[in-house]
Amino acid sequence: MIYLRKAEDRGHANHGWLDSWHTFSFANYYDPDFMGFSALRVINEDVIEPSQGFGTHPHKDMEILTYVLSGTVEHEDSMGNKEQVHAGEFQIMSAGTGVRHSEYNASSDHPLHLYQIWIIPNQVGLEPRYEQRIFDAPQGCQLVLSPDAREGSLKVFQDMTLSRWTLKKDEQSVYPIQADRRVWIQVVRGSVSINGQKAGASDAFAVWDETALSIYTDENSDILLFDLPPV
């Protein structure tokens, strides 16, 4: 089964300083059919106005991933980290037993565009931790998250992987799916077809009970592919 989650069907909240699209139920957006997918709990696509952001707030028992599309995040947390996260960079934070942090647009001139993704960990009460990394952007597939931090990826406390695919126009690839696994594909840029179903930027596919995915790009494209455990 392949379900297309169109960008315009997501929850939407425009707060002036923040324009946010919610793939799953979040804050004032509630849809019982979209509470998450496997270990994914939140996928928010945010545009934050210059010098604006989220003041200090708490998290607990969640893996929080930020992927910056354009601009720079100014991050500060209760673990003592004070960092900038630039376009193309991934940041992950295990909230574990509890952490407080703030996130601001570091620019006074340009908006900040990012994805923030919450992943339910496979254990609670973890010691809070912080990592960030910028990966090279070669053509093809690059591992970003894995439970054992293999191939230079960031560690995630869940039986899942996240890979970033950077594909040229008219490129075709095949992704085999192990039995009972679920896959979520988030289209970051461009236009792709998954087993013949087309999607554009900010659209997504939820996949289950499939053995393989045929990925074809109509133009230069970037996707995030989450390989997830069964529910």
N, C-alpha and C. Protein backbone atom coordinates (compact mmCIF):
# COMPACT_ATOMS: atom_id res chain seq x y z
N MET A 1 0.85 -1.19 0.00
CA MET A 1 0.00 0.00 0.00
C MET A 1 0.88 1.24 0.00
N ILE A 2 0.56 2.18 -0.87
CA ILE A 2 1.27 3.46 -0.92
C ILE A 2 0.23 4.57 -0.83
N TYR A 3 0.34 5.38 0.21
CA TYR A 3 -0.60 6.48 0.43
C TYR A 3 0.12 7.80 0.21
N LEU A 4 -0.45 8.65 -0.64
CA LEU A 4 0.13 9.96 -0.92
C LEU A 4 -0.46 10.99 0.04
N ARG A 5 0.41 11.60 0.81
CA ARG A 5 0.01 12.68 1.73
C ARG A 5 0.37 14.01 1.06
N LYS A 6 -0.64 14.66 0.47
CA LYS A 6 -0.40 15.90 -0.26
C LYS A 6 -0.06 17.03 0.70
N ALA A 7 0.83 17.90 0.26
CA ALA A 7 1.29 19.00 1.11
C ALA A 7 0.14 19.88 1.57
N GLU A 8 -0.79 20.16 0.66
CA GLU A 8 -1.87 21.08 0.99
C GLU A 8 -2.91 20.46 1.93
N ASP A 9 -2.84 19.15 2.14
CA ASP A 9 -3.79 18.50 3.05
C ASP A 9 -3.28 18.47 4.49
N ARG A 10 -2.06 18.91 4.73
CA ARG A 10 -1.51 18.92 6.09
C ARG A 10 -2.19 20.00 6.94
N GLY A 11 -2.03 19.89 8.24
CA GLY A 11 -2.48 20.96 9.11
C GLY A 11 -1.62 22.20 8.89
N HIS A 12 -2.23 23.38 9.08
CA HIS A 12 -1.52 24.63 8.79
C HIS A 12 -1.79 25.65 9.88
N ALA A 13 -0.72 26.31 10.32
CA ALA A 13 -0.86 27.38 11.30
C ALA A 13 0.11 28.50 10.92
N ASN A 14 -0.45 29.70 10.73
CA ASN A 14 0.39 30.87 10.44
C ASN A 14 0.27 31.84 11.61
N HIS A 15 1.37 31.98 12.34
CA HIS A 15 1.40 32.84 13.51
C HIS A 15 2.05 34.20 13.24
N GLY A 16 2.25 34.51 11.96
CA GLY A 16 2.94 35.74 11.61
C GLY A 16 4.44 35.54 11.57
N TRP A 17 5.04 35.31 12.72
CA TRP A 17 6.48 35.05 12.77
C TRP A 17 6.84 33.64 12.37
N LEU A 18 5.82 32.74 12.40
CA LEU A 18 6.02 31.33 12.08
C LEU A 18 4.91 30.85 11.16
N ASP A 19 5.30 30.27 10.02
CA ASP A 19 4.36 29.62 9.12
C ASP A 19 4.69 28.13 9.15
N SER A 20 3.77 27.33 9.69
CA SER A 20 4.07 25.93 9.98
C SER A 20 3.04 24.99 9.36
N TRP A 21 3.54 23.93 8.73
CA TRP A 21 2.70 22.88 8.16
C TRP A 21 2.94 21.59 8.92
N HIS A 22 1.85 20.96 9.38
CA HIS A 22 1.94 19.78 10.26
C HIS A 22 1.49 18.53 9.50
N THR A 23 2.42 17.61 9.26
CA THR A 23 2.06 16.34 8.63
C THR A 23 1.15 15.51 9.53
N PHE A 24 1.44 15.52 10.82
CA PHE A 24 0.66 14.77 11.81
C PHE A 24 0.07 15.74 12.84
N SER A 25 -0.90 15.25 13.59
CA SER A 25 -1.55 16.06 14.61
C SER A 25 -0.51 16.72 15.49
N PHE A 26 -0.70 18.04 15.70
CA PHE A 26 0.29 18.80 16.46
C PHE A 26 -0.36 20.10 16.91
N ALA A 27 -0.12 20.47 18.18
CA ALA A 27 -0.66 21.73 18.73
C ALA A 27 -2.17 21.75 18.51
N ASN A 28 -2.69 22.78 17.83
CA ASN A 28 -4.14 22.91 17.64
C ASN A 28 -4.67 22.11 16.45
N TYR A 29 -3.78 21.48 15.70
CA TYR A 29 -4.22 20.63 14.59
C TYR A 29 -4.38 19.21 15.08
N TYR A 30 -5.59 18.68 14.92
CA TYR A 30 -5.86 17.31 15.36
C TYR A 30 -6.64 16.57 14.28
N ASP A 31 -6.09 15.42 13.87
CA ASP A 31 -6.77 14.52 12.95
C ASP A 31 -6.47 13.11 13.42
N PRO A 32 -7.48 12.37 13.88
CA PRO A 32 -7.23 11.03 14.43
C PRO A 32 -6.62 10.07 13.41
N ASP A 33 -6.74 10.38 12.11
CA ASP A 33 -6.15 9.54 11.08
C ASP A 33 -4.68 9.84 10.85
N PHE A 34 -4.19 10.94 11.43
CA PHE A 34 -2.79 11.34 11.24
C PHE A 34 -2.17 11.71 12.58
N MET A 35 -1.99 10.68 13.41
CA MET A 35 -1.36 10.86 14.71
C MET A 35 0.13 10.54 14.67
N GLY A 36 0.58 10.03 13.56
CA GLY A 36 1.97 9.62 13.40
C GLY A 36 2.02 8.46 12.43
N PHE A 37 3.23 7.94 12.22
CA PHE A 37 3.41 6.79 11.33
C PHE A 37 4.58 6.00 11.85
N SER A 38 4.30 4.76 12.32
CA SER A 38 5.33 3.95 12.97
C SER A 38 5.96 4.77 14.08
N ALA A 39 7.29 4.93 14.07
CA ALA A 39 7.97 5.69 15.13
C ALA A 39 7.99 7.19 14.88
N LEU A 40 7.48 7.64 13.74
CA LEU A 40 7.41 9.07 13.46
C LEU A 40 6.21 9.67 14.19
N ARG A 41 6.44 10.72 14.94
CA ARG A 41 5.35 11.38 15.65
C ARG A 41 5.06 12.78 15.11
N VAL A 42 6.09 13.50 14.70
CA VAL A 42 5.93 14.87 14.20
C VAL A 42 6.80 15.06 12.97
N ILE A 43 6.23 15.64 11.92
CA ILE A 43 7.00 16.20 10.81
C ILE A 43 6.40 17.57 10.55
N ASN A 44 7.09 18.59 11.00
CA ASN A 44 6.65 19.97 10.79
C ASN A 44 7.59 20.65 9.80
N GLU A 45 7.01 21.31 8.82
CA GLU A 45 7.79 22.14 7.91
C GLU A 45 7.55 23.59 8.30
N ASP A 46 8.59 24.26 8.77
CA ASP A 46 8.48 25.60 9.35
C ASP A 46 9.25 26.63 8.54
N VAL A 47 8.64 27.79 8.39
CA VAL A 47 9.34 28.98 7.90
C VAL A 47 9.26 30.02 9.01
N ILE A 48 10.42 30.47 9.49
CA ILE A 48 10.52 31.37 10.64
C ILE A 48 11.07 32.71 10.17
N GLU A 49 10.40 33.76 10.54
CA GLU A 49 10.79 35.10 10.11
C GLU A 49 12.12 35.52 10.73
N PRO A 50 12.81 36.50 10.12
CA PRO A 50 14.11 36.94 10.63
C PRO A 50 14.07 37.33 12.11
N SER A 51 15.08 36.88 12.84
CA SER A 51 15.28 37.20 14.27
C SER A 51 14.17 36.67 15.17
N GLN A 52 13.32 35.80 14.65
CA GLN A 52 12.23 35.22 15.43
C GLN A 52 12.54 33.75 15.73
N GLY A 53 11.75 33.17 16.64
CA GLY A 53 11.97 31.76 16.93
C GLY A 53 11.23 31.29 18.16
N PHE A 54 11.61 30.10 18.61
CA PHE A 54 10.99 29.43 19.74
C PHE A 54 11.81 29.72 20.99
N GLY A 55 11.20 30.36 21.97
CA GLY A 55 11.88 30.60 23.24
C GLY A 55 12.14 29.30 23.98
N THR A 56 12.83 29.38 25.10
CA THR A 56 13.21 28.19 25.86
C THR A 56 11.98 27.39 26.27
N HIS A 57 11.99 26.10 25.95
CA HIS A 57 10.85 25.22 26.24
C HIS A 57 11.37 23.80 26.48
N PRO A 58 10.59 22.96 27.19
CA PRO A 58 11.09 21.64 27.57
C PRO A 58 10.67 20.54 26.59
N HIS A 59 11.44 19.46 26.59
CA HIS A 59 11.10 18.20 25.92
C HIS A 59 11.52 17.05 26.82
N LYS A 60 10.88 15.90 26.61
CA LYS A 60 11.23 14.70 27.37
C LYS A 60 10.93 13.47 26.53
N ASP A 61 11.82 12.47 26.61
CA ASP A 61 11.63 11.17 25.98
C ASP A 61 11.19 11.28 24.52
N MET A 62 11.98 11.99 23.73
CA MET A 62 11.74 12.11 22.30
C MET A 62 13.07 12.34 21.60
N GLU A 63 13.22 11.76 20.41
CA GLU A 63 14.36 12.05 19.53
C GLU A 63 13.92 13.18 18.61
N ILE A 64 14.61 14.31 18.67
CA ILE A 64 14.20 15.51 17.94
C ILE A 64 15.25 15.82 16.88
N LEU A 65 14.82 15.72 15.63
CA LEU A 65 15.70 15.93 14.48
C LEU A 65 15.31 17.21 13.76
N THR A 66 16.30 18.04 13.46
CA THR A 66 16.08 19.25 12.68
C THR A 66 16.94 19.17 11.42
N TYR A 67 16.30 19.45 10.28
CA TYR A 67 17.01 19.50 8.99
C TYR A 67 16.77 20.88 8.40
N VAL A 68 17.84 21.65 8.24
CA VAL A 68 17.73 23.03 7.78
C VAL A 68 17.82 23.07 6.26
N LEU A 69 16.79 23.63 5.62
CA LEU A 69 16.75 23.74 4.16
C LEU A 69 17.40 25.03 3.69
N SER A 70 17.12 26.13 4.37
CA SER A 70 17.76 27.40 4.05
C SER A 70 17.81 28.25 5.31
N GLY A 71 18.89 29.03 5.45
CA GLY A 71 19.06 29.85 6.63
C GLY A 71 19.90 29.15 7.69
N THR A 72 19.86 29.68 8.90
CA THR A 72 20.66 29.19 10.01
C THR A 72 19.86 29.22 11.30
N VAL A 73 19.89 28.12 12.04
CA VAL A 73 19.26 28.02 13.36
C VAL A 73 20.27 28.42 14.43
N GLU A 74 19.85 29.25 15.35
CA GLU A 74 20.63 29.55 16.55
C GLU A 74 20.05 28.71 17.68
N HIS A 75 20.82 27.73 18.16
CA HIS A 75 20.34 26.75 19.14
C HIS A 75 21.07 26.94 20.47
N GLU A 76 20.32 26.85 21.56
CA GLU A 76 20.92 26.85 22.89
C GLU A 76 20.11 25.92 23.78
N ASP A 77 20.78 25.12 24.61
CA ASP A 77 20.05 24.15 25.42
C ASP A 77 20.64 24.03 26.83
N SER A 78 19.91 23.30 27.67
CA SER A 78 20.28 23.15 29.08
C SER A 78 21.45 22.19 29.28
N MET A 79 21.93 21.54 28.20
CA MET A 79 23.12 20.71 28.28
C MET A 79 24.39 21.53 28.10
N GLY A 80 24.22 22.82 27.81
CA GLY A 80 25.37 23.69 27.63
C GLY A 80 25.76 23.91 26.19
N ASN A 81 24.97 23.38 25.25
CA ASN A 81 25.27 23.56 23.84
C ASN A 81 24.74 24.91 23.36
N LYS A 82 25.56 25.63 22.65
CA LYS A 82 25.15 26.87 21.99
C LYS A 82 25.76 26.82 20.60
N GLU A 83 24.93 26.48 19.61
CA GLU A 83 25.43 26.16 18.28
C GLU A 83 24.60 26.85 17.20
N GLN A 84 25.20 26.95 16.03
CA GLN A 84 24.47 27.34 14.83
C GLN A 84 24.35 26.12 13.92
N VAL A 85 23.17 25.94 13.35
CA VAL A 85 22.91 24.83 12.44
C VAL A 85 22.57 25.43 11.09
N HIS A 86 23.41 25.16 10.09
CA HIS A 86 23.32 25.83 8.80
C HIS A 86 22.54 25.00 7.78
N ALA A 87 22.23 25.64 6.67
CA ALA A 87 21.51 24.97 5.59
C ALA A 87 22.24 23.70 5.16
N GLY A 88 21.49 22.62 5.01
CA GLY A 88 22.05 21.33 4.63
C GLY A 88 22.51 20.49 5.81
N GLU A 89 22.42 21.04 7.01
CA GLU A 89 22.92 20.36 8.20
C GLU A 89 21.78 19.69 8.96
N PHE A 90 22.11 18.56 9.59
CA PHE A 90 21.16 17.82 10.43
C PHE A 90 21.59 17.95 11.89
N GLN A 91 20.61 18.10 12.77
CA GLN A 91 20.85 18.17 14.20
C GLN A 91 19.90 17.18 14.88
N ILE A 92 20.42 16.38 15.81
CA ILE A 92 19.54 15.49 16.57
C ILE A 92 19.81 15.68 18.05
N MET A 93 18.72 15.65 18.81
CA MET A 93 18.80 15.81 20.26
C MET A 93 17.93 14.74 20.90
N SER A 94 18.51 13.96 21.81
CA SER A 94 17.73 13.03 22.62
C SER A 94 17.27 13.78 23.86
N ALA A 95 15.96 13.98 23.98
CA ALA A 95 15.45 14.72 25.13
C ALA A 95 15.54 13.88 26.41
N GLY A 96 15.33 12.57 26.28
CA GLY A 96 15.53 11.66 27.40
C GLY A 96 14.84 12.09 28.68
N THR A 97 15.62 12.16 29.76
CA THR A 97 15.06 12.49 31.07
C THR A 97 14.60 13.95 31.18
N GLY A 98 14.92 14.75 30.16
CA GLY A 98 14.44 16.12 30.14
C GLY A 98 15.50 17.11 29.70
N VAL A 99 15.13 17.98 28.79
CA VAL A 99 16.04 19.01 28.31
C VAL A 99 15.22 20.24 27.96
N ARG A 100 15.83 21.40 28.08
CA ARG A 100 15.21 22.66 27.67
C ARG A 100 16.09 23.28 26.60
N HIS A 101 15.44 23.87 25.58
CA HIS A 101 16.23 24.50 24.53
C HIS A 101 15.44 25.62 23.87
N SER A 102 16.17 26.44 23.14
CA SER A 102 15.57 27.50 22.33
C SER A 102 16.11 27.40 20.92
N GLU A 103 15.32 27.86 19.94
CA GLU A 103 15.70 27.82 18.53
C GLU A 103 15.25 29.12 17.89
N TYR A 104 16.20 29.84 17.30
CA TYR A 104 15.89 31.12 16.67
C TYR A 104 16.49 31.19 15.27
N ASN A 105 15.88 32.01 14.44
CA ASN A 105 16.46 32.35 13.16
C ASN A 105 17.64 33.29 13.42
N ALA A 106 18.84 32.85 13.03
CA ALA A 106 20.04 33.64 13.31
C ALA A 106 20.16 34.88 12.43
N SER A 107 19.35 34.95 11.36
CA SER A 107 19.45 36.07 10.42
C SER A 107 18.45 37.17 10.78
N SER A 108 18.87 38.41 10.61
CA SER A 108 17.96 39.55 10.79
C SER A 108 17.36 39.99 9.46
N ASP A 109 17.70 39.28 8.37
CA ASP A 109 17.26 39.70 7.04
C ASP A 109 16.48 38.65 6.27
N HIS A 110 16.76 37.37 6.52
CA HIS A 110 16.21 36.32 5.67
C HIS A 110 15.43 35.29 6.49
N PRO A 111 14.36 34.73 5.94
CA PRO A 111 13.62 33.69 6.65
C PRO A 111 14.43 32.40 6.78
N LEU A 112 14.04 31.60 7.73
CA LEU A 112 14.65 30.30 8.01
C LEU A 112 13.64 29.22 7.63
N HIS A 113 14.07 28.23 6.86
CA HIS A 113 13.18 27.16 6.40
C HIS A 113 13.76 25.83 6.87
N LEU A 114 12.96 25.06 7.59
CA LEU A 114 13.47 23.81 8.14
C LEU A 114 12.36 22.78 8.30
N TYR A 115 12.79 21.53 8.44
CA TYR A 115 11.92 20.45 8.91
C TYR A 115 12.31 20.12 10.35
N GLN A 116 11.31 20.02 11.22
CA GLN A 116 11.56 19.45 12.54
C GLN A 116 10.75 18.17 12.65
N ILE A 117 11.46 17.11 13.05
CA ILE A 117 10.91 15.75 13.04
C ILE A 117 11.10 15.14 14.42
N TRP A 118 10.02 14.62 14.98
CA TRP A 118 10.10 13.95 16.28
C TRP A 118 9.95 12.45 16.06
N ILE A 119 10.87 11.68 16.66
CA ILE A 119 10.88 10.23 16.55
C ILE A 119 10.73 9.66 17.96
N ILE A 120 9.79 8.74 18.12
CA ILE A 120 9.58 8.10 19.42
C ILE A 120 10.73 7.13 19.68
N PRO A 121 11.47 7.29 20.78
CA PRO A 121 12.60 6.39 21.03
C PRO A 121 12.13 5.01 21.47
N ASN A 122 13.03 4.03 21.35
CA ASN A 122 12.68 2.67 21.76
C ASN A 122 12.98 2.41 23.23
N GLN A 123 13.40 3.46 23.95
CA GLN A 123 13.56 3.37 25.41
C GLN A 123 13.38 4.75 26.00
N VAL A 124 12.90 4.78 27.23
CA VAL A 124 12.69 6.06 27.90
C VAL A 124 13.77 6.25 28.96
N GLY A 125 13.87 7.48 29.47
CA GLY A 125 14.81 7.77 30.52
C GLY A 125 16.26 7.84 30.07
N LEU A 126 16.48 8.10 28.78
CA LEU A 126 17.84 8.22 28.27
C LEU A 126 18.53 9.47 28.82
N GLU A 127 19.84 9.43 28.89
CA GLU A 127 20.59 10.64 29.21
C GLU A 127 20.50 11.58 28.02
N PRO A 128 20.13 12.83 28.23
CA PRO A 128 20.03 13.77 27.11
C PRO A 128 21.36 13.90 26.37
N ARG A 129 21.30 14.08 25.05
CA ARG A 129 22.50 14.20 24.23
C ARG A 129 22.21 15.10 23.04
N TYR A 130 23.28 15.54 22.40
CA TYR A 130 23.16 16.48 21.28
C TYR A 130 24.23 16.15 20.25
N GLU A 131 23.83 16.14 18.96
CA GLU A 131 24.77 15.97 17.86
C GLU A 131 24.29 16.80 16.68
N GLN A 132 25.23 17.24 15.85
CA GLN A 132 24.86 17.84 14.57
C GLN A 132 25.94 17.51 13.56
N ARG A 133 25.55 17.48 12.29
CA ARG A 133 26.51 17.11 11.26
C ARG A 133 26.04 17.63 9.92
N ILE A 134 27.00 18.09 9.13
CA ILE A 134 26.71 18.40 7.74
C ILE A 134 27.30 17.28 6.91
N PHE A 135 26.50 16.74 6.02
CA PHE A 135 26.93 15.63 5.18
C PHE A 135 27.26 16.16 3.79
N ASP A 136 28.21 15.53 3.15
CA ASP A 136 28.44 15.85 1.75
C ASP A 136 27.17 15.54 0.98
N ALA A 137 27.03 16.14 -0.17
CA ALA A 137 25.80 15.95 -0.95
C ALA A 137 26.10 15.27 -2.28
N PRO A 138 26.57 14.02 -2.22
CA PRO A 138 26.82 13.30 -3.47
C PRO A 138 25.52 12.86 -4.10
N GLN A 139 25.59 12.51 -5.37
CA GLN A 139 24.40 11.91 -6.00
C GLN A 139 24.13 10.56 -5.35
N GLY A 140 22.86 10.22 -5.27
CA GLY A 140 22.49 8.93 -4.74
C GLY A 140 22.06 9.02 -3.29
N CYS A 141 22.26 7.92 -2.56
CA CYS A 141 21.72 7.76 -1.21
C CYS A 141 22.81 7.95 -0.17
N GLN A 142 22.48 8.69 0.89
CA GLN A 142 23.42 8.89 1.98
C GLN A 142 22.73 8.64 3.31
N LEU A 143 23.31 7.79 4.14
CA LEU A 143 22.73 7.45 5.44
C LEU A 143 22.93 8.61 6.41
N VAL A 144 21.83 9.04 7.03
CA VAL A 144 21.85 10.18 7.95
C VAL A 144 21.66 9.74 9.39
N LEU A 145 20.70 8.84 9.64
CA LEU A 145 20.42 8.33 10.98
C LEU A 145 20.45 6.81 10.96
N SER A 146 20.98 6.22 12.04
CA SER A 146 20.91 4.78 12.21
C SER A 146 21.09 4.46 13.69
N PRO A 147 20.61 3.30 14.15
CA PRO A 147 20.73 2.98 15.58
C PRO A 147 22.15 2.70 16.03
N ASP A 148 23.05 2.37 15.09
CA ASP A 148 24.45 2.07 15.45
C ASP A 148 25.43 3.10 14.91
N ALA A 149 24.92 4.22 14.40
CA ALA A 149 25.75 5.32 13.89
C ALA A 149 26.75 4.84 12.83
N ARG A 150 26.34 3.86 12.04
CA ARG A 150 27.26 3.31 11.03
C ARG A 150 27.44 4.29 9.86
N GLU A 151 28.53 4.10 9.17
CA GLU A 151 28.86 4.86 7.96
C GLU A 151 28.86 6.37 8.22
N GLY A 152 29.23 6.75 9.45
CA GLY A 152 29.31 8.16 9.76
C GLY A 152 27.98 8.84 10.00
N SER A 153 26.92 8.06 10.17
CA SER A 153 25.60 8.63 10.40
C SER A 153 25.43 9.07 11.85
N LEU A 154 24.42 9.86 12.11
CA LEU A 154 24.05 10.24 13.46
C LEU A 154 23.29 9.10 14.13
N LYS A 155 23.47 8.96 15.44
CA LYS A 155 22.80 7.88 16.17
C LYS A 155 21.37 8.27 16.51
N VAL A 156 20.47 7.30 16.39
CA VAL A 156 19.09 7.47 16.83
C VAL A 156 18.70 6.27 17.67
N PHE A 157 17.99 6.50 18.77
CA PHE A 157 17.57 5.41 19.65
C PHE A 157 16.23 4.87 19.18
N GLN A 158 16.26 4.19 18.03
CA GLN A 158 15.08 3.55 17.47
C GLN A 158 15.55 2.61 16.35
N ASP A 159 14.76 1.57 16.12
CA ASP A 159 15.06 0.60 15.06
C ASP A 159 14.63 1.18 13.72
N MET A 160 15.41 2.12 13.22
CA MET A 160 15.06 2.82 11.98
C MET A 160 16.32 3.38 11.33
N THR A 161 16.19 3.72 10.08
CA THR A 161 17.23 4.51 9.41
C THR A 161 16.56 5.65 8.66
N LEU A 162 17.33 6.71 8.47
CA LEU A 162 16.95 7.82 7.62
C LEU A 162 18.06 8.02 6.60
N SER A 163 17.69 8.04 5.33
CA SER A 163 18.67 8.34 4.29
C SER A 163 18.18 9.51 3.45
N ARG A 164 19.14 10.32 3.02
CA ARG A 164 18.83 11.43 2.12
C ARG A 164 19.24 11.01 0.71
N TRP A 165 18.31 11.15 -0.22
CA TRP A 165 18.56 10.80 -1.61
C TRP A 165 18.62 12.08 -2.44
N THR A 166 19.72 12.25 -3.16
CA THR A 166 19.90 13.38 -4.07
C THR A 166 19.97 12.80 -5.48
N LEU A 167 18.96 13.09 -6.28
CA LEU A 167 18.77 12.40 -7.56
C LEU A 167 18.70 13.39 -8.71
N LYS A 168 19.29 13.01 -9.82
CA LYS A 168 19.24 13.83 -11.03
C LYS A 168 17.96 13.57 -11.82
N LYS A 169 17.64 14.51 -12.69
CA LYS A 169 16.48 14.38 -13.58
C LYS A 169 16.56 13.06 -14.36
N ASP A 170 15.43 12.38 -14.41
CA ASP A 170 15.26 11.13 -15.16
C ASP A 170 16.06 9.97 -14.55
N GLU A 171 16.49 10.12 -13.31
CA GLU A 171 17.18 9.02 -12.64
C GLU A 171 16.17 8.05 -12.06
N GLN A 172 16.51 6.77 -12.08
CA GLN A 172 15.63 5.75 -11.53
C GLN A 172 16.42 4.87 -10.57
N SER A 173 15.82 4.58 -9.41
CA SER A 173 16.45 3.73 -8.40
C SER A 173 15.39 2.78 -7.84
N VAL A 174 15.87 1.71 -7.22
CA VAL A 174 14.97 0.75 -6.58
C VAL A 174 15.39 0.61 -5.13
N TYR A 175 14.40 0.65 -4.23
CA TYR A 175 14.66 0.48 -2.80
C TYR A 175 13.91 -0.76 -2.33
N PRO A 176 14.63 -1.85 -1.97
CA PRO A 176 13.96 -3.05 -1.45
C PRO A 176 13.51 -2.83 -0.01
N ILE A 177 12.37 -3.39 0.34
CA ILE A 177 11.81 -3.25 1.69
C ILE A 177 11.76 -4.61 2.36
N GLN A 178 12.35 -4.71 3.54
CA GLN A 178 12.30 -5.95 4.28
C GLN A 178 10.88 -6.21 4.79
N ALA A 179 10.60 -7.46 5.04
CA ALA A 179 9.25 -7.86 5.47
C ALA A 179 8.82 -7.10 6.72
N ASP A 180 7.60 -6.62 6.70
CA ASP A 180 6.94 -5.95 7.83
C ASP A 180 7.46 -4.54 8.11
N ARG A 181 8.44 -4.06 7.35
CA ARG A 181 8.93 -2.70 7.58
C ARG A 181 7.97 -1.70 6.95
N ARG A 182 8.02 -0.49 7.48
CA ARG A 182 7.26 0.62 6.91
C ARG A 182 8.23 1.68 6.42
N VAL A 183 7.81 2.41 5.41
CA VAL A 183 8.65 3.44 4.81
C VAL A 183 7.87 4.74 4.69
N TRP A 184 8.51 5.83 5.06
CA TRP A 184 7.95 7.17 4.83
C TRP A 184 8.92 7.93 3.94
N ILE A 185 8.42 8.51 2.86
CA ILE A 185 9.24 9.32 1.97
C ILE A 185 8.73 10.75 2.00
N GLN A 186 9.61 11.67 2.35
CA GLN A 186 9.28 13.10 2.35
C GLN A 186 10.02 13.74 1.18
N VAL A 187 9.26 14.37 0.27
CA VAL A 187 9.87 15.02 -0.88
C VAL A 187 10.30 16.43 -0.44
N VAL A 188 11.58 16.66 -0.45
CA VAL A 188 12.12 17.95 -0.02
C VAL A 188 12.18 18.93 -1.18
N ARG A 189 12.58 18.43 -2.34
CA ARG A 189 12.77 19.30 -3.50
C ARG A 189 12.53 18.49 -4.76
N GLY A 190 11.91 19.12 -5.76
CA GLY A 190 11.77 18.48 -7.05
C GLY A 190 10.46 17.73 -7.21
N SER A 191 10.51 16.68 -8.02
CA SER A 191 9.31 15.90 -8.35
C SER A 191 9.72 14.45 -8.55
N VAL A 192 9.04 13.53 -7.87
CA VAL A 192 9.39 12.12 -7.95
C VAL A 192 8.15 11.28 -8.17
N SER A 193 8.37 10.09 -8.70
CA SER A 193 7.30 9.08 -8.80
C SER A 193 7.75 7.85 -8.02
N ILE A 194 6.84 7.34 -7.19
CA ILE A 194 7.10 6.13 -6.40
C ILE A 194 6.13 5.06 -6.87
N ASN A 195 6.67 4.02 -7.48
CA ASN A 195 5.82 2.97 -8.07
C ASN A 195 4.70 3.56 -8.93
N GLY A 196 5.06 4.61 -9.67
CA GLY A 196 4.14 5.22 -10.62
C GLY A 196 3.30 6.35 -10.08
N GLN A 197 3.31 6.57 -8.76
CA GLN A 197 2.56 7.68 -8.16
C GLN A 197 3.47 8.90 -8.03
N LYS A 198 3.00 10.03 -8.55
CA LYS A 198 3.83 11.23 -8.61
C LYS A 198 3.59 12.12 -7.40
N ALA A 199 4.67 12.79 -6.95
CA ALA A 199 4.57 13.74 -5.84
C ALA A 199 5.58 14.86 -6.07
N GLY A 200 5.25 16.05 -5.54
CA GLY A 200 6.12 17.20 -5.64
C GLY A 200 6.67 17.61 -4.29
N ALA A 201 7.34 18.75 -4.25
CA ALA A 201 7.97 19.23 -3.03
C ALA A 201 6.94 19.35 -1.90
N SER A 202 7.31 18.87 -0.74
CA SER A 202 6.52 18.89 0.51
C SER A 202 5.44 17.81 0.56
N ASP A 203 5.20 17.09 -0.54
CA ASP A 203 4.34 15.91 -0.49
C ASP A 203 5.10 14.77 0.19
N ALA A 204 4.37 13.71 0.54
CA ALA A 204 5.00 12.57 1.19
C ALA A 204 4.26 11.29 0.82
N PHE A 205 4.94 10.17 1.00
CA PHE A 205 4.34 8.85 0.80
C PHE A 205 4.47 8.04 2.09
N ALA A 206 3.38 7.41 2.50
CA ALA A 206 3.39 6.39 3.54
C ALA A 206 3.29 5.03 2.87
N VAL A 207 4.18 4.12 3.22
CA VAL A 207 4.29 2.84 2.50
C VAL A 207 4.26 1.68 3.50
N TRP A 208 3.42 0.70 3.23
CA TRP A 208 3.43 -0.53 4.01
C TRP A 208 2.96 -1.67 3.13
N ASP A 209 3.32 -2.89 3.50
CA ASP A 209 2.97 -4.11 2.75
C ASP A 209 3.45 -4.06 1.30
N GLU A 210 4.61 -3.46 1.10
CA GLU A 210 5.26 -3.46 -0.22
C GLU A 210 6.62 -4.14 -0.09
N THR A 211 7.11 -4.72 -1.18
CA THR A 211 8.40 -5.41 -1.15
C THR A 211 9.53 -4.56 -1.73
N ALA A 212 9.18 -3.57 -2.56
CA ALA A 212 10.20 -2.72 -3.16
C ALA A 212 9.56 -1.44 -3.67
N LEU A 213 10.38 -0.40 -3.78
CA LEU A 213 9.93 0.87 -4.32
C LEU A 213 10.78 1.23 -5.53
N SER A 214 10.10 1.59 -6.62
CA SER A 214 10.76 2.11 -7.79
C SER A 214 10.66 3.63 -7.74
N ILE A 215 11.81 4.29 -7.67
CA ILE A 215 11.86 5.74 -7.50
C ILE A 215 12.36 6.38 -8.79
N TYR A 216 11.54 7.26 -9.36
CA TYR A 216 11.89 7.93 -10.61
C TYR A 216 11.73 9.44 -10.42
N THR A 217 12.68 10.21 -10.94
CA THR A 217 12.65 11.65 -10.77
C THR A 217 12.39 12.34 -12.10
N ASP A 218 11.43 13.27 -12.10
CA ASP A 218 11.14 14.06 -13.29
C ASP A 218 12.07 15.26 -13.42
N GLU A 219 12.74 15.62 -12.32
CA GLU A 219 13.68 16.74 -12.30
C GLU A 219 14.65 16.50 -11.16
N ASN A 220 15.70 17.29 -11.06
CA ASN A 220 16.63 17.16 -9.94
C ASN A 220 15.84 17.22 -8.63
N SER A 221 16.04 16.25 -7.77
CA SER A 221 15.17 16.10 -6.60
C SER A 221 15.95 15.64 -5.37
N ASP A 222 15.41 16.00 -4.20
CA ASP A 222 15.91 15.50 -2.92
C ASP A 222 14.75 14.89 -2.15
N ILE A 223 14.96 13.72 -1.57
CA ILE A 223 13.95 13.11 -0.72
C ILE A 223 14.61 12.63 0.57
N LEU A 224 13.80 12.53 1.62
CA LEU A 224 14.19 11.86 2.85
C LEU A 224 13.43 10.55 2.92
N LEU A 225 14.14 9.44 3.12
CA LEU A 225 13.51 8.12 3.16
C LEU A 225 13.73 7.53 4.55
N PHE A 226 12.64 7.34 5.28
CA PHE A 226 12.65 6.75 6.62
C PHE A 226 12.26 5.27 6.49
N ASP A 227 13.13 4.37 6.90
CA ASP A 227 12.85 2.95 6.96
C ASP A 227 12.54 2.63 8.42
N LEU A 228 11.30 2.23 8.69
CA LEU A 228 10.75 2.24 10.05
C LEU A 228 10.29 0.86 10.49
N PRO A 229 10.20 0.65 11.81
CA PRO A 229 9.74 -0.65 12.32
C PRO A 229 8.24 -0.80 12.12
N PRO A 230 7.75 -2.05 12.18
CA PRO A 230 6.31 -2.28 12.13
C PRO A 230 5.64 -1.66 13.35
N VAL A 231 4.38 -1.39 13.22
CA VAL A 231 3.63 -0.77 14.33
C VAL A 231 3.48 -1.77 15.46
